[in-house]
Amino acid sequence: MLKVTGRKELIGAIRAAAANEIPSHRSELRRVAADMAKRPVADEDVSLTNRESQVLRHIAMGLSNKEIALALKIRMDTVKEHVQNVLRKLGVADRTQAAVWAVRRKLV
């Protein structure tokens, strides 16, 4: 659903999903599917440093940058740099995608 979706349409979509019905906005689904197909798939043999792997595991556990910094006894700026390196190396756009990547590969 789009951010601009009205209340009635949103409630209807939730009810339809609960009833295992197919979404009504097929054109939007096609657009999203096409966009996702264009994204590069992260290589399973991504070369992360030991520290990047530690940061990734902490991300997958849902820790914030501050919590990661405290756990690893490093500065928060250093955590931010490691997070950006992890995202770039995995070819993902955000922490959630990185966490999913880590969980799927049983790193957590």
N, C-alpha and C. Protein backbone atom coordinates (compact mmCIF):
# COMPACT_ATOMS: atom_id res chain seq x y z
N MET A 1 0.84 -1.18 0.00
CA MET A 1 0.00 0.00 0.00
C MET A 1 0.88 1.24 0.00
N LEU A 2 0.41 2.26 -0.65
CA LEU A 2 1.13 3.52 -0.70
C LEU A 2 0.83 4.35 0.54
N LYS A 3 1.69 5.30 0.83
CA LYS A 3 1.49 6.19 1.97
C LYS A 3 0.20 6.99 1.84
N VAL A 4 -0.18 7.29 0.61
CA VAL A 4 -1.36 8.13 0.38
C VAL A 4 -2.67 7.34 0.35
N THR A 5 -2.60 6.05 0.63
CA THR A 5 -3.79 5.21 0.62
C THR A 5 -4.77 5.68 1.69
N GLY A 6 -6.03 5.73 1.31
CA GLY A 6 -7.07 6.15 2.25
C GLY A 6 -7.37 5.08 3.29
N ARG A 7 -8.04 5.51 4.35
CA ARG A 7 -8.34 4.62 5.48
C ARG A 7 -9.18 3.41 5.05
N LYS A 8 -10.23 3.66 4.26
CA LYS A 8 -11.11 2.57 3.83
C LYS A 8 -10.35 1.56 2.98
N GLU A 9 -9.54 2.08 2.07
CA GLU A 9 -8.78 1.19 1.19
C GLU A 9 -7.76 0.37 1.99
N LEU A 10 -7.14 1.00 2.97
CA LEU A 10 -6.17 0.30 3.80
C LEU A 10 -6.84 -0.81 4.61
N ILE A 11 -7.97 -0.51 5.21
CA ILE A 11 -8.71 -1.52 5.99
C ILE A 11 -9.15 -2.66 5.08
N GLY A 12 -9.62 -2.31 3.89
CA GLY A 12 -10.03 -3.34 2.93
C GLY A 12 -8.86 -4.23 2.54
N ALA A 13 -7.69 -3.63 2.35
CA ALA A 13 -6.51 -4.40 1.98
C ALA A 13 -6.08 -5.33 3.11
N ILE A 14 -6.20 -4.86 4.34
CA ILE A 14 -5.85 -5.70 5.49
C ILE A 14 -6.80 -6.88 5.59
N ARG A 15 -8.07 -6.61 5.41
CA ARG A 15 -9.07 -7.70 5.45
C ARG A 15 -8.82 -8.70 4.32
N ALA A 16 -8.49 -8.18 3.15
CA ALA A 16 -8.23 -9.06 2.01
C ALA A 16 -7.00 -9.94 2.27
N ALA A 17 -5.96 -9.34 2.85
CA ALA A 17 -4.75 -10.10 3.16
C ALA A 17 -5.04 -11.17 4.20
N ALA A 18 -5.86 -10.82 5.18
CA ALA A 18 -6.22 -11.79 6.22
C ALA A 18 -7.01 -12.96 5.64
N ALA A 19 -7.73 -12.68 4.55
CA ALA A 19 -8.52 -13.73 3.90
C ALA A 19 -7.72 -14.42 2.78
N ASN A 20 -6.42 -14.16 2.73
CA ASN A 20 -5.54 -14.74 1.70
C ASN A 20 -5.93 -14.39 0.28
N GLU A 21 -6.49 -13.20 0.11
CA GLU A 21 -6.86 -12.74 -1.22
C GLU A 21 -5.68 -12.05 -1.89
N ILE A 22 -5.67 -12.03 -3.20
CA ILE A 22 -4.61 -11.40 -3.98
C ILE A 22 -4.80 -9.88 -3.92
N PRO A 23 -3.70 -9.13 -3.76
CA PRO A 23 -3.79 -7.67 -3.72
C PRO A 23 -4.41 -7.11 -4.98
N SER A 24 -5.12 -6.00 -4.83
CA SER A 24 -5.84 -5.43 -5.97
C SER A 24 -4.97 -4.52 -6.83
N HIS A 25 -3.86 -4.08 -6.32
CA HIS A 25 -3.03 -3.14 -7.06
C HIS A 25 -1.93 -3.87 -7.82
N ARG A 26 -2.31 -4.62 -8.81
CA ARG A 26 -1.36 -5.43 -9.57
C ARG A 26 -0.31 -4.57 -10.27
N SER A 27 -0.69 -3.39 -10.78
CA SER A 27 0.28 -2.56 -11.49
C SER A 27 1.38 -2.11 -10.55
N GLU A 28 1.03 -1.79 -9.32
CA GLU A 28 2.04 -1.38 -8.34
C GLU A 28 2.91 -2.57 -7.97
N LEU A 29 2.30 -3.74 -7.84
CA LEU A 29 3.08 -4.94 -7.53
C LEU A 29 4.06 -5.25 -8.65
N ARG A 30 3.64 -5.07 -9.88
CA ARG A 30 4.53 -5.31 -11.01
C ARG A 30 5.71 -4.33 -10.98
N ARG A 31 5.42 -3.07 -10.65
CA ARG A 31 6.47 -2.06 -10.58
C ARG A 31 7.47 -2.42 -9.48
N VAL A 32 6.97 -2.80 -8.31
CA VAL A 32 7.85 -3.16 -7.20
C VAL A 32 8.67 -4.40 -7.55
N ALA A 33 8.02 -5.40 -8.15
CA ALA A 33 8.72 -6.62 -8.54
C ALA A 33 9.81 -6.31 -9.56
N ALA A 34 9.52 -5.42 -10.50
CA ALA A 34 10.52 -5.05 -11.51
C ALA A 34 11.69 -4.33 -10.86
N ASP A 35 11.40 -3.43 -9.92
CA ASP A 35 12.47 -2.73 -9.21
C ASP A 35 13.34 -3.70 -8.41
N MET A 36 12.70 -4.66 -7.76
CA MET A 36 13.44 -5.63 -6.97
C MET A 36 14.30 -6.53 -7.86
N ALA A 37 13.81 -6.84 -9.04
CA ALA A 37 14.56 -7.69 -9.95
C ALA A 37 15.82 -6.99 -10.45
N LYS A 38 15.80 -5.66 -10.49
CA LYS A 38 16.96 -4.89 -10.96
C LYS A 38 18.05 -4.80 -9.91
N ARG A 39 17.70 -5.00 -8.66
CA ARG A 39 18.69 -4.89 -7.58
C ARG A 39 19.71 -6.01 -7.70
N PRO A 40 20.97 -5.67 -7.46
CA PRO A 40 21.98 -6.73 -7.49
C PRO A 40 21.82 -7.66 -6.30
N VAL A 41 22.02 -8.92 -6.54
CA VAL A 41 21.92 -9.92 -5.47
C VAL A 41 23.29 -10.02 -4.81
N ALA A 42 23.29 -9.93 -3.48
CA ALA A 42 24.56 -10.00 -2.76
C ALA A 42 25.18 -11.38 -2.92
N ASP A 43 26.46 -11.38 -3.18
CA ASP A 43 27.20 -12.63 -3.31
C ASP A 43 27.27 -13.31 -1.95
N GLU A 44 27.07 -14.60 -1.91
CA GLU A 44 27.09 -15.32 -0.64
C GLU A 44 28.49 -15.34 -0.05
N ASP A 45 29.50 -15.16 -0.84
CA ASP A 45 30.87 -15.18 -0.36
C ASP A 45 31.40 -13.76 -0.16
N VAL A 46 30.58 -12.91 0.45
CA VAL A 46 30.97 -11.53 0.70
C VAL A 46 32.14 -11.52 1.68
N SER A 47 33.13 -10.72 1.37
CA SER A 47 34.32 -10.66 2.21
C SER A 47 34.20 -9.53 3.23
N LEU A 48 33.72 -9.88 4.43
CA LEU A 48 33.62 -8.91 5.51
C LEU A 48 34.81 -9.09 6.44
N THR A 49 35.27 -7.99 7.00
CA THR A 49 36.32 -8.10 8.00
C THR A 49 35.71 -8.71 9.27
N ASN A 50 36.57 -9.13 10.19
CA ASN A 50 36.09 -9.69 11.44
C ASN A 50 35.19 -8.69 12.16
N ARG A 51 35.60 -7.42 12.21
CA ARG A 51 34.82 -6.40 12.90
C ARG A 51 33.50 -6.15 12.18
N GLU A 52 33.51 -6.13 10.87
CA GLU A 52 32.27 -5.95 10.11
C GLU A 52 31.31 -7.10 10.38
N SER A 53 31.83 -8.31 10.48
CA SER A 53 30.98 -9.46 10.80
C SER A 53 30.37 -9.31 12.19
N GLN A 54 31.16 -8.84 13.14
CA GLN A 54 30.64 -8.61 14.49
C GLN A 54 29.54 -7.57 14.47
N VAL A 55 29.77 -6.48 13.75
CA VAL A 55 28.76 -5.42 13.65
C VAL A 55 27.50 -5.96 12.99
N LEU A 56 27.66 -6.74 11.93
CA LEU A 56 26.50 -7.32 11.24
C LEU A 56 25.69 -8.21 12.18
N ARG A 57 26.36 -9.04 12.96
CA ARG A 57 25.64 -9.88 13.92
C ARG A 57 24.86 -9.03 14.92
N HIS A 58 25.45 -7.95 15.37
CA HIS A 58 24.77 -7.06 16.32
C HIS A 58 23.57 -6.36 15.65
N ILE A 59 23.74 -5.98 14.40
CA ILE A 59 22.63 -5.38 13.65
C ILE A 59 21.48 -6.38 13.57
N ALA A 60 21.81 -7.63 13.25
CA ALA A 60 20.79 -8.67 13.10
C ALA A 60 20.08 -8.95 14.42
N MET A 61 20.75 -8.67 15.54
CA MET A 61 20.12 -8.85 16.85
C MET A 61 19.28 -7.63 17.24
N GLY A 62 19.27 -6.62 16.37
CA GLY A 62 18.43 -5.45 16.60
C GLY A 62 19.06 -4.35 17.43
N LEU A 63 20.37 -4.38 17.61
CA LEU A 63 21.03 -3.37 18.41
C LEU A 63 21.21 -2.07 17.63
N SER A 64 21.13 -0.96 18.34
CA SER A 64 21.37 0.36 17.75
C SER A 64 22.88 0.58 17.63
N ASN A 65 23.27 1.63 16.91
CA ASN A 65 24.69 1.94 16.79
C ASN A 65 25.31 2.18 18.16
N LYS A 66 24.60 2.87 19.02
CA LYS A 66 25.11 3.15 20.36
C LYS A 66 25.32 1.85 21.15
N GLU A 67 24.35 0.95 21.05
CA GLU A 67 24.46 -0.34 21.74
C GLU A 67 25.61 -1.18 21.19
N ILE A 68 25.80 -1.12 19.87
CA ILE A 68 26.91 -1.86 19.25
C ILE A 68 28.23 -1.28 19.72
N ALA A 69 28.32 0.04 19.76
CA ALA A 69 29.55 0.70 20.21
C ALA A 69 29.89 0.28 21.63
N LEU A 70 28.91 0.25 22.51
CA LEU A 70 29.14 -0.16 23.89
C LEU A 70 29.55 -1.63 23.97
N ALA A 71 28.88 -2.49 23.21
CA ALA A 71 29.17 -3.92 23.26
C ALA A 71 30.57 -4.23 22.74
N LEU A 72 30.99 -3.53 21.69
CA LEU A 72 32.28 -3.81 21.08
C LEU A 72 33.40 -2.89 21.60
N LYS A 73 33.01 -1.95 22.48
CA LYS A 73 33.97 -1.01 23.07
C LYS A 73 34.71 -0.21 21.99
N ILE A 74 33.90 0.33 21.04
CA ILE A 74 34.44 1.18 20.00
C ILE A 74 33.58 2.44 19.92
N ARG A 75 34.08 3.45 19.22
CA ARG A 75 33.34 4.70 19.10
C ARG A 75 32.14 4.53 18.17
N MET A 76 31.12 5.35 18.41
CA MET A 76 29.91 5.26 17.59
C MET A 76 30.22 5.64 16.14
N ASP A 77 31.13 6.58 15.92
CA ASP A 77 31.52 6.94 14.55
C ASP A 77 32.14 5.73 13.83
N THR A 78 32.88 4.95 14.57
CA THR A 78 33.49 3.74 14.00
C THR A 78 32.40 2.73 13.63
N VAL A 79 31.40 2.60 14.50
CA VAL A 79 30.28 1.70 14.20
C VAL A 79 29.58 2.14 12.93
N LYS A 80 29.31 3.44 12.81
CA LYS A 80 28.63 3.96 11.62
C LYS A 80 29.42 3.63 10.35
N GLU A 81 30.74 3.77 10.43
CA GLU A 81 31.59 3.45 9.28
C GLU A 81 31.49 1.96 8.93
N HIS A 82 31.54 1.11 9.94
CA HIS A 82 31.42 -0.33 9.70
C HIS A 82 30.06 -0.68 9.11
N VAL A 83 29.00 -0.05 9.63
CA VAL A 83 27.65 -0.31 9.11
C VAL A 83 27.59 0.06 7.63
N GLN A 84 28.12 1.22 7.26
CA GLN A 84 28.10 1.63 5.86
C GLN A 84 28.90 0.66 4.99
N ASN A 85 30.05 0.19 5.49
CA ASN A 85 30.84 -0.78 4.73
C ASN A 85 30.07 -2.09 4.54
N VAL A 86 29.39 -2.55 5.59
CA VAL A 86 28.61 -3.78 5.51
C VAL A 86 27.50 -3.64 4.48
N LEU A 87 26.75 -2.53 4.55
CA LEU A 87 25.66 -2.32 3.61
C LEU A 87 26.17 -2.31 2.17
N ARG A 88 27.30 -1.62 1.96
CA ARG A 88 27.87 -1.54 0.61
C ARG A 88 28.33 -2.91 0.12
N LYS A 89 29.03 -3.64 0.97
CA LYS A 89 29.55 -4.95 0.56
C LYS A 89 28.44 -5.96 0.31
N LEU A 90 27.35 -5.88 1.09
CA LEU A 90 26.24 -6.81 0.89
C LEU A 90 25.35 -6.39 -0.26
N GLY A 91 25.46 -5.14 -0.68
CA GLY A 91 24.61 -4.64 -1.76
C GLY A 91 23.17 -4.44 -1.32
N VAL A 92 23.00 -4.02 -0.06
CA VAL A 92 21.67 -3.79 0.48
C VAL A 92 21.50 -2.32 0.81
N ALA A 93 20.24 -1.89 0.95
CA ALA A 93 19.95 -0.47 1.15
C ALA A 93 19.87 -0.05 2.60
N ASP A 94 19.59 -0.98 3.50
CA ASP A 94 19.41 -0.57 4.89
C ASP A 94 19.74 -1.70 5.86
N ARG A 95 19.68 -1.36 7.16
CA ARG A 95 20.02 -2.30 8.22
C ARG A 95 19.10 -3.51 8.23
N THR A 96 17.83 -3.29 7.92
CA THR A 96 16.88 -4.39 7.92
C THR A 96 17.26 -5.43 6.89
N GLN A 97 17.60 -4.99 5.70
CA GLN A 97 18.01 -5.92 4.65
C GLN A 97 19.30 -6.64 5.05
N ALA A 98 20.21 -5.93 5.71
CA ALA A 98 21.45 -6.56 6.17
C ALA A 98 21.13 -7.62 7.22
N ALA A 99 20.21 -7.31 8.12
CA ALA A 99 19.82 -8.27 9.16
C ALA A 99 19.20 -9.51 8.54
N VAL A 100 18.35 -9.32 7.56
CA VAL A 100 17.73 -10.46 6.87
C VAL A 100 18.81 -11.30 6.20
N TRP A 101 19.76 -10.66 5.56
CA TRP A 101 20.87 -11.36 4.91
C TRP A 101 21.62 -12.21 5.93
N ALA A 102 21.90 -11.64 7.09
CA ALA A 102 22.65 -12.35 8.14
C ALA A 102 21.84 -13.53 8.69
N VAL A 103 20.56 -13.33 8.91
CA VAL A 103 19.72 -14.40 9.46
C VAL A 103 19.59 -15.54 8.46
N ARG A 104 19.40 -15.21 7.18
CA ARG A 104 19.28 -16.25 6.16
C ARG A 104 20.54 -17.09 6.03
N ARG A 105 21.68 -16.50 6.35
CA ARG A 105 22.93 -17.24 6.28
C ARG A 105 23.38 -17.76 7.64
N LYS A 106 22.43 -17.71 8.58
CA LYS A 106 22.64 -18.27 9.93
C LYS A 106 23.89 -17.68 10.62
N LEU A 107 24.09 -16.39 10.45
CA LEU A 107 25.21 -15.71 11.13
C LEU A 107 24.84 -15.30 12.54
N VAL A 108 23.57 -15.40 12.85
CA VAL A 108 23.10 -14.99 14.19
C VAL A 108 22.63 -16.20 14.95
